Amino acid sequence: MDFSVLLATLGKSSTDFAPENKLVKRICQLSEGFKDNANDMTHSLYHIASKNELDEKCFQDILDLIKKLEEEMGKQ
């Protein structure tokens, strides 16, 4: 599945994550920076992301928000 399709589907389904729908929308917003070349980078044997590349895209922030979403959804 194409990453942009995954993001679009998640964004459209954000209301299903109530009351954490704003958190899901923020994850989608931050992830937008990856959508254009995520598939190419994922399936490339030659591209290894550098720390600067990941930092520029707020990758750790995205992971932290996903973890928070997982924790909040586990409480429900």
PDB file of N, CA and C in Angstrom:
ATOM      1  N   MET A   1       0.841  -1.178   0.000  1.00  0.00           N
ATOM      2  CA  MET A   1       0.000   0.000   0.000  1.00  0.00           C
ATOM      3  C   MET A   1       0.885   1.240   0.000  1.00  0.00           C
ATOM      4  N   ASP A   2       0.530   2.188  -0.777  1.00  0.00           N
ATOM      5  CA  ASP A   2       1.248   3.444  -0.863  1.00  0.00           C
ATOM      6  C   ASP A   2       1.070   4.229   0.440  1.00  0.00           C
ATOM      7  N   PHE A   3       2.148   4.834   0.938  1.00  0.00           N
ATOM      8  CA  PHE A   3       2.109   5.557   2.199  1.00  0.00           C
ATOM      9  C   PHE A   3       1.117   6.713   2.163  1.00  0.00           C
ATOM     10  N   SER A   4       1.004   7.392   1.022  1.00  0.00           N
ATOM     11  CA  SER A   4       0.062   8.512   0.930  1.00  0.00           C
ATOM     12  C   SER A   4      -1.382   8.024   1.060  1.00  0.00           C
ATOM     13  N   VAL A   5      -1.670   6.823   0.563  1.00  0.00           N
ATOM     14  CA  VAL A   5      -3.007   6.244   0.704  1.00  0.00           C
ATOM     15  C   VAL A   5      -3.268   5.913   2.176  1.00  0.00           C
ATOM     16  N   LEU A   6      -2.269   5.371   2.832  1.00  0.00           N
ATOM     17  CA  LEU A   6      -2.392   5.055   4.262  1.00  0.00           C
ATOM     18  C   LEU A   6      -2.677   6.319   5.069  1.00  0.00           C
ATOM     19  N   LEU A   7      -1.940   7.393   4.796  1.00  0.00           N
ATOM     20  CA  LEU A   7      -2.158   8.659   5.500  1.00  0.00           C
ATOM     21  C   LEU A   7      -3.549   9.220   5.232  1.00  0.00           C
ATOM     22  N   ALA A   8      -3.969   9.176   3.976  1.00  0.00           N
ATOM     23  CA  ALA A   8      -5.295   9.692   3.625  1.00  0.00           C
ATOM     24  C   ALA A   8      -6.390   8.909   4.335  1.00  0.00           C
ATOM     25  N   THR A   9      -6.255   7.606   4.378  1.00  0.00           N
ATOM     26  CA  THR A   9      -7.239   6.760   5.041  1.00  0.00           C
ATOM     27  C   THR A   9      -7.274   7.038   6.540  1.00  0.00           C
ATOM     28  N   LEU A  10      -6.103   7.174   7.138  1.00  0.00           N
ATOM     29  CA  LEU A  10      -6.039   7.480   8.570  1.00  0.00           C
ATOM     30  C   LEU A  10      -6.669   8.840   8.852  1.00  0.00           C
ATOM     31  N   GLY A  11      -6.355   9.826   8.020  1.00  0.00           N
ATOM     32  CA  GLY A  11      -6.935  11.158   8.196  1.00  0.00           C
ATOM     33  C   GLY A  11      -8.450  11.149   8.107  1.00  0.00           C
ATOM     34  N   LYS A  12      -8.983  10.420   7.146  1.00  0.00           N
ATOM     35  CA  LYS A  12     -10.438  10.323   6.980  1.00  0.00           C
ATOM     36  C   LYS A  12     -11.095   9.582   8.140  1.00  0.00           C
ATOM     37  N   SER A  13     -10.333   8.701   8.786  1.00  0.00           N
ATOM     38  CA  SER A  13     -10.863   7.898   9.888  1.00  0.00           C
ATOM     39  C   SER A  13     -10.599   8.522  11.255  1.00  0.00           C
ATOM     40  N   SER A  14     -10.053   9.718  11.272  1.00  0.00           N
ATOM     41  CA  SER A  14      -9.648  10.319  12.551  1.00  0.00           C
ATOM     42  C   SER A  14     -10.811  10.447  13.534  1.00  0.00           C
ATOM     43  N   THR A  15     -12.033  10.640  13.027  1.00  0.00           N
ATOM     44  CA  THR A  15     -13.180  10.753  13.932  1.00  0.00           C
ATOM     45  C   THR A  15     -13.458   9.440  14.660  1.00  0.00           C
ATOM     46  N   ASP A  16     -12.995   8.331  14.104  1.00  0.00           N
ATOM     47  CA  ASP A  16     -13.166   7.031  14.755  1.00  0.00           C
ATOM     48  C   ASP A  16     -12.312   6.909  16.013  1.00  0.00           C
ATOM     49  N   PHE A  17     -11.360   7.812  16.168  1.00  0.00           N
ATOM     50  CA  PHE A  17     -10.445   7.761  17.308  1.00  0.00           C
ATOM     51  C   PHE A  17     -10.847   8.727  18.421  1.00  0.00           C
ATOM     52  N   ALA A  18     -12.090   9.199  18.391  1.00  0.00           N
ATOM     53  CA  ALA A  18     -12.558  10.139  19.419  1.00  0.00           C
ATOM     54  C   ALA A  18     -12.349   9.525  20.787  1.00  0.00           C
ATOM     55  N   PRO A  19     -11.899  10.248  21.749  1.00  0.00           N
ATOM     56  CA  PRO A  19     -11.628  11.684  21.790  1.00  0.00           C
ATOM     57  C   PRO A  19     -10.197  12.048  21.359  1.00  0.00           C
ATOM     58  N   GLU A  20      -9.468  11.114  20.799  1.00  0.00           N
ATOM     59  CA  GLU A  20      -8.071  11.366  20.412  1.00  0.00           C
ATOM     60  C   GLU A  20      -7.929  11.751  18.943  1.00  0.00           C
ATOM     61  N   ASN A  21      -9.006  12.216  18.323  1.00  0.00           N
ATOM     62  CA  ASN A  21      -8.956  12.514  16.891  1.00  0.00           C
ATOM     63  C   ASN A  21      -7.979  13.647  16.563  1.00  0.00           C
ATOM     64  N   LYS A  22      -7.799  14.605  17.455  1.00  0.00           N
ATOM     65  CA  LYS A  22      -6.825  15.670  17.205  1.00  0.00           C
ATOM     66  C   LYS A  22      -5.405  15.119  17.192  1.00  0.00           C
ATOM     67  N   LEU A  23      -5.154  14.138  18.033  1.00  0.00           N
ATOM     68  CA  LEU A  23      -3.852  13.480  18.072  1.00  0.00           C
ATOM     69  C   LEU A  23      -3.584  12.759  16.753  1.00  0.00           C
ATOM     70  N   VAL A  24      -4.579  12.078  16.232  1.00  0.00           N
ATOM     71  CA  VAL A  24      -4.441  11.378  14.954  1.00  0.00           C
ATOM     72  C   VAL A  24      -4.201  12.381  13.827  1.00  0.00           C
ATOM     73  N   LYS A  25      -4.921  13.481  13.833  1.00  0.00           N
ATOM     74  CA  LYS A  25      -4.722  14.510  12.808  1.00  0.00           C
ATOM     75  C   LYS A  25      -3.311  15.076  12.863  1.00  0.00           C
ATOM     76  N   ARG A  26      -2.773  15.269  14.066  1.00  0.00           N
ATOM     77  CA  ARG A  26      -1.410  15.791  14.214  1.00  0.00           C
ATOM     78  C   ARG A  26      -0.394  14.783  13.684  1.00  0.00           C
ATOM     79  N   ILE A  27      -0.602  13.513  13.955  1.00  0.00           N
ATOM     80  CA  ILE A  27       0.281  12.468  13.423  1.00  0.00           C
ATOM     81  C   ILE A  27       0.277  12.530  11.894  1.00  0.00           C
ATOM     82  N   CYS A  28      -0.893  12.690  11.315  1.00  0.00           N
ATOM     83  CA  CYS A  28      -1.007  12.775   9.857  1.00  0.00           C
ATOM     84  C   CYS A  28      -0.292  14.016   9.324  1.00  0.00           C
ATOM     85  N   GLN A  29      -0.454  15.145  10.007  1.00  0.00           N
ATOM     86  CA  GLN A  29       0.199  16.381   9.569  1.00  0.00           C
ATOM     87  C   GLN A  29       1.719  16.226   9.562  1.00  0.00           C
ATOM     88  N   LEU A  30       2.265  15.696  10.646  1.00  0.00           N
ATOM     89  CA  LEU A  30       3.714  15.525  10.725  1.00  0.00           C
ATOM     90  C   LEU A  30       4.220  14.506   9.714  1.00  0.00           C
ATOM     91  N   SER A  31       3.415  13.509   9.439  1.00  0.00           N
ATOM     92  CA  SER A  31       3.815  12.443   8.517  1.00  0.00           C
ATOM     93  C   SER A  31       3.777  12.869   7.064  1.00  0.00           C
ATOM     94  N   GLU A  32       3.109  13.970   6.774  1.00  0.00           N
ATOM     95  CA  GLU A  32       3.024  14.467   5.402  1.00  0.00           C
ATOM     96  C   GLU A  32       4.407  14.641   4.773  1.00  0.00           C
ATOM     97  N   GLY A  33       5.390  15.008   5.578  1.00  0.00           N
ATOM     98  CA  GLY A  33       6.737  15.214   5.066  1.00  0.00           C
ATOM     99  C   GLY A  33       7.377  13.957   4.502  1.00  0.00           C
ATOM    100  N   PHE A  34       6.839  12.810   4.855  1.00  0.00           N
ATOM    101  CA  PHE A  34       7.384  11.543   4.379  1.00  0.00           C
ATOM    102  C   PHE A  34       6.650  10.992   3.163  1.00  0.00           C
ATOM    103  N   LYS A  35       5.448  11.477   2.905  1.00  0.00           N
ATOM    104  CA  LYS A  35       4.587  10.794   1.933  1.00  0.00           C
ATOM    105  C   LYS A  35       5.124  10.782   0.512  1.00  0.00           C
ATOM    106  N   ASP A  36       5.844  11.821   0.121  1.00  0.00           N
ATOM    107  CA  ASP A  36       6.297  11.881  -1.265  1.00  0.00           C
ATOM    108  C   ASP A  36       7.353  10.847  -1.615  1.00  0.00           C
ATOM    109  N   ASN A  37       8.228  10.554  -0.688  1.00  0.00           N
ATOM    110  CA  ASN A  37       9.295   9.608  -1.025  1.00  0.00           C
ATOM    111  C   ASN A  37       9.419   8.442  -0.050  1.00  0.00           C
ATOM    112  N   ALA A  38       8.430   8.251   0.807  1.00  0.00           N
ATOM    113  CA  ALA A  38       8.504   7.169   1.789  1.00  0.00           C
ATOM    114  C   ALA A  38       8.587   5.792   1.135  1.00  0.00           C
ATOM    115  N   ASN A  39       7.781   5.561   0.125  1.00  0.00           N
ATOM    116  CA  ASN A  39       7.796   4.251  -0.521  1.00  0.00           C
ATOM    117  C   ASN A  39       9.136   3.983  -1.193  1.00  0.00           C
ATOM    118  N   ASP A  40       9.661   4.983  -1.873  1.00  0.00           N
ATOM    119  CA  ASP A  40      10.952   4.806  -2.537  1.00  0.00           C
ATOM    120  C   ASP A  40      12.047   4.509  -1.523  1.00  0.00           C
ATOM    121  N   MET A  41      12.050   5.257  -0.432  1.00  0.00           N
ATOM    122  CA  MET A  41      13.086   5.053   0.583  1.00  0.00           C
ATOM    123  C   MET A  41      12.914   3.706   1.288  1.00  0.00           C
ATOM    124  N   THR A  42      11.671   3.305   1.522  1.00  0.00           N
ATOM    125  CA  THR A  42      11.409   2.047   2.221  1.00  0.00           C
ATOM    126  C   THR A  42      11.907   0.847   1.427  1.00  0.00           C
ATOM    127  N   HIS A  43      11.725   0.888   0.121  1.00  0.00           N
ATOM    128  CA  HIS A  43      12.064  -0.255  -0.718  1.00  0.00           C
ATOM    129  C   HIS A  43      13.429  -0.126  -1.390  1.00  0.00           C
ATOM    130  N   SER A  44      14.182   0.869  -1.001  1.00  0.00           N
ATOM    131  CA  SER A  44      15.492   1.072  -1.600  1.00  0.00           C
ATOM    132  C   SER A  44      16.569   0.330  -0.811  1.00  0.00           C
ATOM    133  N   LEU A  45      17.438  -0.329  -1.537  1.00  0.00           N
ATOM    134  CA  LEU A  45      18.583  -0.974  -0.900  1.00  0.00           C
ATOM    135  C   LEU A  45      19.735   0.007  -0.729  1.00  0.00           C
ATOM    136  N   TYR A  46      19.569   1.196  -1.303  1.00  0.00           N
ATOM    137  CA  TYR A  46      20.678   2.135  -1.355  1.00  0.00           C
ATOM    138  C   TYR A  46      20.470   3.374  -0.502  1.00  0.00           C
ATOM    139  N   HIS A  47      19.285   3.565   0.028  1.00  0.00           N
ATOM    140  CA  HIS A  47      19.023   4.771   0.811  1.00  0.00           C
ATOM    141  C   HIS A  47      18.917   4.419   2.288  1.00  0.00           C
ATOM    142  N   ILE A  48      19.812   4.953   3.054  1.00  0.00           N
ATOM    143  CA  ILE A  48      19.755   4.819   4.505  1.00  0.00           C
ATOM    144  C   ILE A  48      19.589   6.236   5.043  1.00  0.00           C
ATOM    145  N   ALA A  49      18.493   6.467   5.742  1.00  0.00           N
ATOM    146  CA  ALA A  49      18.201   7.811   6.237  1.00  0.00           C
ATOM    147  C   ALA A  49      19.240   8.225   7.262  1.00  0.00           C
ATOM    148  N   SER A  50      19.649   9.468   7.154  1.00  0.00           N
ATOM    149  CA  SER A  50      20.601  10.018   8.121  1.00  0.00           C
ATOM    150  C   SER A  50      19.832  10.595   9.305  1.00  0.00           C
ATOM    151  N   LYS A  51      20.521  10.834  10.383  1.00  0.00           N
ATOM    152  CA  LYS A  51      19.904  11.427  11.566  1.00  0.00           C
ATOM    153  C   LYS A  51      19.330  12.795  11.216  1.00  0.00           C
ATOM    154  N   ASN A  52      20.061  13.587  10.445  1.00  0.00           N
ATOM    155  CA  ASN A  52      19.562  14.909  10.058  1.00  0.00           C
ATOM    156  C   ASN A  52      18.271  14.815   9.251  1.00  0.00           C
ATOM    157  N   GLU A  53      18.206  13.833   8.361  1.00  0.00           N
ATOM    158  CA  GLU A  53      16.999  13.630   7.559  1.00  0.00           C
ATOM    159  C   GLU A  53      15.794  13.344   8.450  1.00  0.00           C
ATOM    160  N   LEU A  54      16.005  12.478   9.417  1.00  0.00           N
ATOM    161  CA  LEU A  54      14.919  12.121  10.325  1.00  0.00           C
ATOM    162  C   LEU A  54      14.557  13.278  11.240  1.00  0.00           C
ATOM    163  N   ASP A  55      15.559  13.992  11.721  1.00  0.00           N
ATOM    164  CA  ASP A  55      15.307  15.133  12.597  1.00  0.00           C
ATOM    165  C   ASP A  55      14.523  16.226  11.878  1.00  0.00           C
ATOM    166  N   GLU A  56      14.852  16.470  10.616  1.00  0.00           N
ATOM    167  CA  GLU A  56      14.152  17.495   9.830  1.00  0.00           C
ATOM    168  C   GLU A  56      12.672  17.173   9.680  1.00  0.00           C
ATOM    169  N   LYS A  57      12.337  15.913   9.667  1.00  0.00           N
ATOM    170  CA  LYS A  57      10.952  15.485   9.469  1.00  0.00           C
ATOM    171  C   LYS A  57      10.231  15.230  10.789  1.00  0.00           C
ATOM    172  N   CYS A  58      10.883  15.524  11.923  1.00  0.00           N
ATOM    173  CA  CYS A  58      10.275  15.343  13.257  1.00  0.00           C
ATOM    174  C   CYS A  58       9.870  13.887  13.494  1.00  0.00           C
ATOM    175  N   PHE A  59      10.694  12.970  13.024  1.00  0.00           N
ATOM    176  CA  PHE A  59      10.363  11.545  13.108  1.00  0.00           C
ATOM    177  C   PHE A  59      10.129  11.095  14.542  1.00  0.00           C
ATOM    178  N   GLN A  60      10.985  11.538  15.467  1.00  0.00           N
ATOM    179  CA  GLN A  60      10.813  11.126  16.867  1.00  0.00           C
ATOM    180  C   GLN A  60       9.497  11.660  17.423  1.00  0.00           C
ATOM    181  N   ASP A  61       9.114  12.861  17.034  1.00  0.00           N
ATOM    182  CA  ASP A  61       7.832  13.419  17.480  1.00  0.00           C
ATOM    183  C   ASP A  61       6.670  12.558  17.002  1.00  0.00           C
ATOM    184  N   ILE A  62       6.756  12.098  15.768  1.00  0.00           N
ATOM    185  CA  ILE A  62       5.707  11.229  15.224  1.00  0.00           C
ATOM    186  C   ILE A  62       5.621   9.939  16.034  1.00  0.00           C
ATOM    187  N   LEU A  63       6.768   9.338  16.321  1.00  0.00           N
ATOM    188  CA  LEU A  63       6.780   8.099  17.116  1.00  0.00           C
ATOM    189  C   LEU A  63       6.215   8.332  18.512  1.00  0.00           C
ATOM    190  N   ASP A  64       6.568   9.470  19.119  1.00  0.00           N
ATOM    191  CA  ASP A  64       6.058   9.785  20.453  1.00  0.00           C
ATOM    192  C   ASP A  64       4.536   9.957  20.438  1.00  0.00           C
ATOM    193  N   LEU A  65       4.017  10.600  19.399  1.00  0.00           N
ATOM    194  CA  LEU A  65       2.567  10.772  19.300  1.00  0.00           C
ATOM    195  C   LEU A  65       1.852   9.450  19.060  1.00  0.00           C
ATOM    196  N   ILE A  66       2.449   8.585  18.261  1.00  0.00           N
ATOM    197  CA  ILE A  66       1.864   7.253  18.040  1.00  0.00           C
ATOM    198  C   ILE A  66       1.839   6.473  19.347  1.00  0.00           C
ATOM    199  N   LYS A  67       2.898   6.569  20.121  1.00  0.00           N
ATOM    200  CA  LYS A  67       2.947   5.890  21.425  1.00  0.00           C
ATOM    201  C   LYS A  67       1.864   6.441  22.345  1.00  0.00           C
ATOM    202  N   LYS A  68       1.703   7.762  22.361  1.00  0.00           N
ATOM    203  CA  LYS A  68       0.671   8.376  23.192  1.00  0.00           C
ATOM    204  C   LYS A  68      -0.719   7.920  22.756  1.00  0.00           C
ATOM    205  N   LEU A  69      -0.944   7.866  21.444  1.00  0.00           N
ATOM    206  CA  LEU A  69      -2.229   7.388  20.934  1.00  0.00           C
ATOM    207  C   LEU A  69      -2.491   5.954  21.374  1.00  0.00           C
ATOM    208  N   GLU A  70      -1.474   5.132  21.268  1.00  0.00           N
ATOM    209  CA  GLU A  70      -1.612   3.735  21.686  1.00  0.00           C
ATOM    210  C   GLU A  70      -1.963   3.649  23.174  1.00  0.00           C
ATOM    211  N   GLU A  71      -1.302   4.437  23.990  1.00  0.00           N
ATOM    212  CA  GLU A  71      -1.580   4.429  25.433  1.00  0.00           C
ATOM    213  C   GLU A  71      -2.994   4.908  25.723  1.00  0.00           C
ATOM    214  N   GLU A  72      -3.412   5.999  25.057  1.00  0.00           N
ATOM    215  CA  GLU A  72      -4.751   6.540  25.293  1.00  0.00           C
ATOM    216  C   GLU A  72      -5.840   5.572  24.815  1.00  0.00           C
ATOM    217  N   MET A  73      -5.622   4.933  23.690  1.00  0.00           N
ATOM    218  CA  MET A  73      -6.609   3.991  23.170  1.00  0.00           C
ATOM    219  C   MET A  73      -6.682   2.755  24.054  1.00  0.00           C
ATOM    220  N   GLY A  74      -5.565   2.401  24.691  1.00  0.00           N
ATOM    221  CA  GLY A  74      -5.554   1.243  25.597  1.00  0.00           C
ATOM    222  C   GLY A  74      -6.368   1.483  26.860  1.00  0.00           C
ATOM    223  N   LYS A  75      -6.561   2.747  27.227  1.00  0.00           N
ATOM    224  CA  LYS A  75      -7.342   3.092  28.427  1.00  0.00           C
ATOM    225  C   LYS A  75      -8.836   2.971  28.192  1.00  0.00           C
ATOM    226  N   GLN A  76      -9.227   2.999  26.928  1.00  0.00           N
ATOM    227  CA  GLN A  76     -10.673   3.001  26.602  1.00  0.00           C
ATOM    228  C   GLN A  76     -11.253   1.622  26.577  1.00  0.00           C
TER     229      GLN A  76
END
